Amino acid sequence: MKQKGILTILAVIISGYVFGQEQPPQKTPVEIAAEQANRLQRDLDLDYYQVFKVDSTLQTDLAGVMAEFEKMKKGGLQNPESYREVQKRWQDKTEESFYKIMTPEQFERYLKIIGTPKKERKKKLEQLEKKKESGSK
């Protein structure tokens, strides 16, 4: 079964927060990150250092998005669009990190695995490359 990256996980988390559904005990960001890192290692043939970096990135970003969702929930915010905006911002941050960790081929394959359409993949790769170039000057 192909994995859909963090988007699937975050969609489940969002639905639980926004609609107040009772969920079975949530996995911790550490558990989720380890599972995702292992899948990416298999699917993208990541080396051990890359897996370590991917796992660290996922732990940090998943904990961050979950904390932000919890803060929104406690503040009474129930607008699904607000949750999607937060999700998108953290997904972009994760992809930016992965772009630095992975080879170009691995990163493009990652985008395919998570279901990014071809036109969006090209646009995203161009944006990340520009960001990388402007940051190195």
N, C-alpha and C. Protein backbone atom coordinates (compact mmCIF):
# COMPACT_ATOMS: atom_id res chain seq x y z
N MET A 1 0.85 -1.19 0.00
CA MET A 1 0.00 0.00 0.00
C MET A 1 0.89 1.24 0.00
N LYS A 2 0.65 2.13 -0.93
CA LYS A 2 1.45 3.35 -0.99
C LYS A 2 1.05 4.28 0.13
N GLN A 3 2.03 4.90 0.71
CA GLN A 3 1.74 5.86 1.78
C GLN A 3 1.51 7.22 1.18
N LYS A 4 0.73 8.02 1.82
CA LYS A 4 0.40 9.35 1.32
C LYS A 4 1.05 10.44 2.16
N GLY A 5 2.19 10.10 2.80
CA GLY A 5 2.91 11.12 3.55
C GLY A 5 2.15 11.61 4.76
N ILE A 6 2.54 12.73 5.21
CA ILE A 6 1.97 13.30 6.42
C ILE A 6 0.56 13.80 6.17
N LEU A 7 0.22 14.06 4.91
CA LEU A 7 -1.10 14.61 4.61
C LEU A 7 -2.22 13.73 5.13
N THR A 8 -2.10 12.43 4.94
CA THR A 8 -3.14 11.52 5.40
C THR A 8 -3.24 11.55 6.92
N ILE A 9 -2.11 11.51 7.57
CA ILE A 9 -2.10 11.54 9.04
C ILE A 9 -2.71 12.83 9.54
N LEU A 10 -2.32 13.94 8.93
CA LEU A 10 -2.84 15.22 9.37
C LEU A 10 -4.32 15.35 9.10
N ALA A 11 -4.81 14.78 8.02
CA ALA A 11 -6.24 14.83 7.72
C ALA A 11 -7.04 14.12 8.81
N VAL A 12 -6.54 13.00 9.27
CA VAL A 12 -7.21 12.27 10.35
C VAL A 12 -7.18 13.09 11.63
N ILE A 13 -6.06 13.69 11.92
CA ILE A 13 -5.93 14.51 13.13
C ILE A 13 -6.88 15.70 13.05
N ILE A 14 -6.92 16.36 11.89
CA ILE A 14 -7.79 17.52 11.71
C ILE A 14 -9.24 17.13 11.94
N SER A 15 -9.67 16.03 11.33
CA SER A 15 -11.08 15.65 11.48
C SER A 15 -11.41 15.40 12.94
N GLY A 16 -10.51 14.82 13.68
CA GLY A 16 -10.75 14.58 15.10
C GLY A 16 -10.84 15.87 15.88
N TYR A 17 -9.98 16.82 15.57
CA TYR A 17 -9.99 18.10 16.28
C TYR A 17 -11.19 18.95 15.89
N VAL A 18 -11.44 19.05 14.62
CA VAL A 18 -12.48 19.95 14.14
C VAL A 18 -13.87 19.44 14.49
N PHE A 19 -14.09 18.17 14.29
CA PHE A 19 -15.43 17.65 14.47
C PHE A 19 -15.64 16.98 15.82
N GLY A 20 -14.63 17.01 16.69
CA GLY A 20 -14.76 16.50 18.03
C GLY A 20 -15.04 15.01 18.09
N GLN A 21 -14.61 14.28 17.11
CA GLN A 21 -14.85 12.84 17.09
C GLN A 21 -13.97 12.16 18.13
N GLU A 22 -14.53 11.15 18.73
CA GLU A 22 -13.74 10.34 19.64
C GLU A 22 -12.82 9.46 18.80
N GLN A 23 -11.59 9.49 19.12
CA GLN A 23 -10.59 8.74 18.37
C GLN A 23 -9.95 7.72 19.30
N PRO A 24 -9.48 6.62 18.74
CA PRO A 24 -8.67 5.72 19.57
C PRO A 24 -7.42 6.48 19.98
N PRO A 25 -6.72 6.00 20.99
CA PRO A 25 -5.53 6.73 21.44
C PRO A 25 -4.61 7.08 20.27
N GLN A 26 -4.27 8.35 20.20
CA GLN A 26 -3.41 8.84 19.12
C GLN A 26 -1.97 8.35 19.33
N LYS A 27 -1.33 8.04 18.23
CA LYS A 27 0.10 7.73 18.30
C LYS A 27 0.83 9.03 18.57
N THR A 28 1.97 8.92 19.20
CA THR A 28 2.78 10.10 19.47
C THR A 28 3.49 10.52 18.19
N PRO A 29 3.93 11.78 18.12
CA PRO A 29 4.71 12.21 16.96
C PRO A 29 5.95 11.33 16.73
N VAL A 30 6.54 10.84 17.80
CA VAL A 30 7.73 9.99 17.68
C VAL A 30 7.37 8.67 16.97
N GLU A 31 6.23 8.08 17.36
CA GLU A 31 5.80 6.83 16.74
C GLU A 31 5.43 7.03 15.27
N ILE A 32 4.68 8.08 15.00
CA ILE A 32 4.28 8.37 13.62
C ILE A 32 5.50 8.65 12.76
N ALA A 33 6.42 9.46 13.28
CA ALA A 33 7.64 9.81 12.53
C ALA A 33 8.46 8.56 12.21
N ALA A 34 8.60 7.67 13.18
CA ALA A 34 9.39 6.45 12.96
C ALA A 34 8.75 5.59 11.87
N GLU A 35 7.42 5.44 11.91
CA GLU A 35 6.74 4.65 10.88
C GLU A 35 6.92 5.27 9.50
N GLN A 36 6.73 6.60 9.41
CA GLN A 36 6.87 7.27 8.12
C GLN A 36 8.31 7.21 7.62
N ALA A 37 9.27 7.41 8.51
CA ALA A 37 10.68 7.36 8.11
C ALA A 37 11.04 5.97 7.58
N ASN A 38 10.53 4.93 8.23
CA ASN A 38 10.79 3.57 7.76
C ASN A 38 10.18 3.32 6.40
N ARG A 39 8.96 3.82 6.18
CA ARG A 39 8.33 3.66 4.86
C ARG A 39 9.13 4.40 3.79
N LEU A 40 9.54 5.62 4.12
CA LEU A 40 10.31 6.39 3.15
C LEU A 40 11.66 5.75 2.87
N GLN A 41 12.26 5.14 3.88
CA GLN A 41 13.52 4.44 3.67
C GLN A 41 13.34 3.34 2.63
N ARG A 42 12.27 2.58 2.77
CA ARG A 42 11.98 1.50 1.82
C ARG A 42 11.64 2.05 0.44
N ASP A 43 10.72 3.01 0.40
CA ASP A 43 10.22 3.51 -0.88
C ASP A 43 11.23 4.34 -1.65
N LEU A 44 12.11 5.03 -0.95
CA LEU A 44 13.04 5.95 -1.60
C LEU A 44 14.50 5.51 -1.51
N ASP A 45 14.74 4.37 -0.87
CA ASP A 45 16.09 3.86 -0.69
C ASP A 45 16.99 4.89 0.01
N LEU A 46 16.49 5.42 1.12
CA LEU A 46 17.25 6.40 1.90
C LEU A 46 18.38 5.70 2.65
N ASP A 47 19.51 6.39 2.79
CA ASP A 47 20.59 5.84 3.61
C ASP A 47 20.29 6.14 5.09
N TYR A 48 21.09 5.61 5.98
CA TYR A 48 20.79 5.73 7.41
C TYR A 48 20.81 7.17 7.91
N TYR A 49 21.73 7.96 7.39
CA TYR A 49 21.78 9.37 7.79
C TYR A 49 20.51 10.10 7.33
N GLN A 50 20.07 9.83 6.11
CA GLN A 50 18.85 10.45 5.60
C GLN A 50 17.64 10.03 6.44
N VAL A 51 17.57 8.76 6.82
CA VAL A 51 16.46 8.29 7.65
C VAL A 51 16.47 9.02 8.99
N PHE A 52 17.64 9.18 9.57
CA PHE A 52 17.76 9.91 10.84
C PHE A 52 17.24 11.33 10.69
N LYS A 53 17.65 12.02 9.64
CA LYS A 53 17.24 13.40 9.41
C LYS A 53 15.73 13.49 9.11
N VAL A 54 15.22 12.57 8.30
CA VAL A 54 13.79 12.54 7.99
C VAL A 54 12.98 12.30 9.26
N ASP A 55 13.40 11.34 10.06
CA ASP A 55 12.72 11.04 11.31
C ASP A 55 12.73 12.25 12.24
N SER A 56 13.86 12.91 12.36
CA SER A 56 13.95 14.11 13.21
C SER A 56 13.04 15.22 12.71
N THR A 57 13.03 15.42 11.41
CA THR A 57 12.17 16.43 10.81
C THR A 57 10.71 16.12 11.09
N LEU A 58 10.31 14.89 10.86
CA LEU A 58 8.91 14.50 11.09
C LEU A 58 8.52 14.64 12.56
N GLN A 59 9.41 14.24 13.46
CA GLN A 59 9.10 14.37 14.88
C GLN A 59 8.83 15.83 15.24
N THR A 60 9.70 16.70 14.79
CA THR A 60 9.58 18.13 15.09
C THR A 60 8.32 18.72 14.46
N ASP A 61 8.11 18.43 13.18
CA ASP A 61 6.99 19.04 12.47
C ASP A 61 5.65 18.48 12.92
N LEU A 62 5.58 17.18 13.17
CA LEU A 62 4.33 16.60 13.66
C LEU A 62 3.98 17.12 15.05
N ALA A 63 4.97 17.22 15.92
CA ALA A 63 4.72 17.77 17.25
C ALA A 63 4.26 19.22 17.14
N GLY A 64 4.85 19.97 16.22
CA GLY A 64 4.49 21.37 16.02
C GLY A 64 3.06 21.54 15.53
N VAL A 65 2.69 20.75 14.53
CA VAL A 65 1.33 20.87 13.99
C VAL A 65 0.30 20.40 15.02
N MET A 66 0.61 19.35 15.76
CA MET A 66 -0.32 18.87 16.78
C MET A 66 -0.50 19.91 17.88
N ALA A 67 0.58 20.54 18.28
CA ALA A 67 0.50 21.59 19.31
C ALA A 67 -0.33 22.77 18.81
N GLU A 68 -0.13 23.12 17.56
CA GLU A 68 -0.88 24.24 16.99
C GLU A 68 -2.37 23.90 16.88
N PHE A 69 -2.68 22.67 16.49
CA PHE A 69 -4.08 22.23 16.44
C PHE A 69 -4.70 22.26 17.83
N GLU A 70 -3.97 21.80 18.81
CA GLU A 70 -4.48 21.78 20.18
C GLU A 70 -4.76 23.20 20.67
N LYS A 71 -3.86 24.10 20.35
CA LYS A 71 -4.05 25.51 20.75
C LYS A 71 -5.31 26.08 20.07
N MET A 72 -5.49 25.76 18.80
CA MET A 72 -6.67 26.23 18.06
C MET A 72 -7.95 25.65 18.67
N LYS A 73 -7.89 24.37 19.01
CA LYS A 73 -9.06 23.70 19.58
C LYS A 73 -9.42 24.33 20.93
N LYS A 74 -8.41 24.56 21.77
CA LYS A 74 -8.66 25.17 23.08
C LYS A 74 -9.19 26.58 22.95
N GLY A 75 -8.82 27.25 21.87
CA GLY A 75 -9.31 28.61 21.61
C GLY A 75 -10.70 28.61 21.00
N GLY A 76 -11.26 27.44 20.77
CA GLY A 76 -12.61 27.34 20.25
C GLY A 76 -12.72 27.45 18.74
N LEU A 77 -11.60 27.44 18.05
CA LEU A 77 -11.62 27.57 16.60
C LEU A 77 -12.06 26.24 15.97
N GLN A 78 -13.13 26.29 15.20
CA GLN A 78 -13.65 25.07 14.59
C GLN A 78 -13.74 25.19 13.07
N ASN A 79 -13.13 26.19 12.50
CA ASN A 79 -13.16 26.40 11.06
C ASN A 79 -12.19 25.43 10.38
N PRO A 80 -12.70 24.47 9.61
CA PRO A 80 -11.82 23.49 8.95
C PRO A 80 -10.76 24.14 8.06
N GLU A 81 -11.10 25.27 7.45
CA GLU A 81 -10.14 25.93 6.57
C GLU A 81 -8.90 26.40 7.34
N SER A 82 -9.10 26.87 8.55
CA SER A 82 -7.97 27.30 9.39
C SER A 82 -7.04 26.13 9.68
N TYR A 83 -7.62 24.98 9.94
CA TYR A 83 -6.81 23.79 10.20
C TYR A 83 -6.05 23.38 8.95
N ARG A 84 -6.70 23.49 7.80
CA ARG A 84 -6.02 23.14 6.54
C ARG A 84 -4.87 24.10 6.25
N GLU A 85 -5.04 25.36 6.58
CA GLU A 85 -3.96 26.33 6.38
C GLU A 85 -2.75 25.97 7.24
N VAL A 86 -3.01 25.61 8.48
CA VAL A 86 -1.92 25.20 9.38
C VAL A 86 -1.25 23.94 8.82
N GLN A 87 -2.07 22.99 8.40
CA GLN A 87 -1.56 21.75 7.83
C GLN A 87 -0.67 22.04 6.62
N LYS A 88 -1.14 22.92 5.75
CA LYS A 88 -0.38 23.27 4.54
C LYS A 88 0.95 23.92 4.89
N ARG A 89 0.92 24.83 5.85
CA ARG A 89 2.15 25.51 6.26
C ARG A 89 3.18 24.51 6.79
N TRP A 90 2.74 23.56 7.62
CA TRP A 90 3.67 22.56 8.16
C TRP A 90 4.11 21.57 7.09
N GLN A 91 3.23 21.23 6.16
CA GLN A 91 3.61 20.35 5.06
C GLN A 91 4.69 21.01 4.21
N ASP A 92 4.53 22.29 3.93
CA ASP A 92 5.54 23.02 3.16
C ASP A 92 6.88 23.03 3.89
N LYS A 93 6.82 23.22 5.19
CA LYS A 93 8.05 23.23 6.00
C LYS A 93 8.73 21.86 5.95
N THR A 94 7.94 20.81 6.04
CA THR A 94 8.49 19.45 5.98
C THR A 94 9.12 19.19 4.61
N GLU A 95 8.42 19.58 3.56
CA GLU A 95 8.95 19.37 2.21
C GLU A 95 10.23 20.16 1.99
N GLU A 96 10.29 21.36 2.53
CA GLU A 96 11.51 22.15 2.41
C GLU A 96 12.69 21.43 3.07
N SER A 97 12.45 20.84 4.21
CA SER A 97 13.51 20.07 4.89
C SER A 97 13.88 18.84 4.09
N PHE A 98 12.87 18.11 3.60
CA PHE A 98 13.14 16.90 2.83
C PHE A 98 13.93 17.22 1.57
N TYR A 99 13.66 18.36 0.97
CA TYR A 99 14.38 18.78 -0.24
C TYR A 99 15.88 18.89 0.04
N LYS A 100 16.20 19.34 1.24
CA LYS A 100 17.61 19.48 1.62
C LYS A 100 18.25 18.14 1.98
N ILE A 101 17.45 17.21 2.46
CA ILE A 101 17.95 15.91 2.93
C ILE A 101 18.10 14.91 1.79
N MET A 102 17.17 14.93 0.88
CA MET A 102 17.10 13.90 -0.17
C MET A 102 17.81 14.34 -1.44
N THR A 103 18.14 13.35 -2.26
CA THR A 103 18.65 13.66 -3.59
C THR A 103 17.48 14.20 -4.41
N PRO A 104 17.76 14.89 -5.50
CA PRO A 104 16.66 15.37 -6.35
C PRO A 104 15.73 14.25 -6.81
N GLU A 105 16.30 13.10 -7.14
CA GLU A 105 15.50 11.97 -7.60
C GLU A 105 14.61 11.44 -6.47
N GLN A 106 15.17 11.33 -5.27
CA GLN A 106 14.40 10.85 -4.12
C GLN A 106 13.27 11.82 -3.80
N PHE A 107 13.58 13.11 -3.84
CA PHE A 107 12.56 14.10 -3.49
C PHE A 107 11.43 14.09 -4.52
N GLU A 108 11.77 14.00 -5.79
CA GLU A 108 10.72 13.96 -6.82
C GLU A 108 9.87 12.71 -6.64
N ARG A 109 10.50 11.60 -6.32
CA ARG A 109 9.75 10.35 -6.06
C ARG A 109 8.85 10.53 -4.83
N TYR A 110 9.35 11.20 -3.81
CA TYR A 110 8.54 11.48 -2.61
C TYR A 110 7.28 12.26 -3.00
N LEU A 111 7.45 13.29 -3.81
CA LEU A 111 6.30 14.08 -4.25
C LEU A 111 5.29 13.22 -5.01
N LYS A 112 5.79 12.29 -5.82
CA LYS A 112 4.90 11.39 -6.55
C LYS A 112 4.14 10.50 -5.56
N ILE A 113 4.86 9.97 -4.59
CA ILE A 113 4.25 9.05 -3.61
C ILE A 113 3.13 9.73 -2.83
N ILE A 114 3.32 11.00 -2.48
CA ILE A 114 2.28 11.67 -1.69
C ILE A 114 1.17 12.22 -2.58
N GLY A 115 1.29 11.99 -3.89
CA GLY A 115 0.19 12.33 -4.79
C GLY A 115 0.21 13.74 -5.34
N THR A 116 1.36 14.38 -5.35
CA THR A 116 1.46 15.72 -5.91
C THR A 116 1.38 15.64 -7.44
N PRO A 117 0.42 16.34 -8.05
CA PRO A 117 0.30 16.31 -9.51
C PRO A 117 1.59 16.80 -10.19
N LYS A 118 1.83 16.33 -11.40
CA LYS A 118 3.07 16.62 -12.13
C LYS A 118 3.36 18.11 -12.24
N LYS A 119 2.35 18.93 -12.59
CA LYS A 119 2.55 20.37 -12.73
C LYS A 119 2.95 20.99 -11.39
N GLU A 120 2.30 20.55 -10.31
CA GLU A 120 2.63 21.07 -8.99
C GLU A 120 4.03 20.65 -8.56
N ARG A 121 4.41 19.40 -8.90
CA ARG A 121 5.76 18.93 -8.56
C ARG A 121 6.80 19.82 -9.20
N LYS A 122 6.61 20.12 -10.48
CA LYS A 122 7.58 20.96 -11.20
C LYS A 122 7.65 22.34 -10.57
N LYS A 123 6.50 22.92 -10.27
CA LYS A 123 6.44 24.24 -9.65
C LYS A 123 7.11 24.23 -8.28
N LYS A 124 6.82 23.20 -7.49
CA LYS A 124 7.39 23.09 -6.15
C LYS A 124 8.90 22.95 -6.21
N LEU A 125 9.39 22.12 -7.13
CA LEU A 125 10.83 21.94 -7.29
C LEU A 125 11.51 23.26 -7.67
N GLU A 126 10.89 24.01 -8.57
CA GLU A 126 11.45 25.31 -8.97
C GLU A 126 11.48 26.28 -7.79
N GLN A 127 10.39 26.32 -7.02
CA GLN A 127 10.33 27.22 -5.86
C GLN A 127 11.39 26.86 -4.84
N LEU A 128 11.55 25.57 -4.55
CA LEU A 128 12.53 25.15 -3.56
C LEU A 128 13.96 25.42 -4.03
N GLU A 129 14.19 25.24 -5.33
CA GLU A 129 15.53 25.51 -5.87
C GLU A 129 15.84 27.01 -5.78
N LYS A 130 14.86 27.86 -6.09
CA LYS A 130 15.06 29.31 -5.98
C LYS A 130 15.34 29.69 -4.53
N LYS A 131 14.59 29.10 -3.62
CA LYS A 131 14.76 29.38 -2.20
C LYS A 131 16.17 28.96 -1.75
N LYS A 132 16.60 27.79 -2.23
CA LYS A 132 17.92 27.28 -1.90
C LYS A 132 19.02 28.21 -2.42
N GLU A 133 18.85 28.66 -3.66
CA GLU A 133 19.84 29.56 -4.27
C GLU A 133 19.89 30.90 -3.56
N SER A 134 18.74 31.46 -3.21
CA SER A 134 18.72 32.75 -2.53
C SER A 134 19.25 32.65 -1.11
N GLY A 135 19.11 31.49 -0.49
CA GLY A 135 19.59 31.31 0.88
C GLY A 135 21.08 31.09 0.94
N SER A 136 21.68 30.64 -0.17
CA SER A 136 23.12 30.34 -0.17
C SER A 136 23.96 31.54 -0.58
N LYS A 137 23.31 32.65 -0.94
CA LYS A 137 24.06 33.83 -1.38
C LYS A 137 24.36 34.74 -0.22
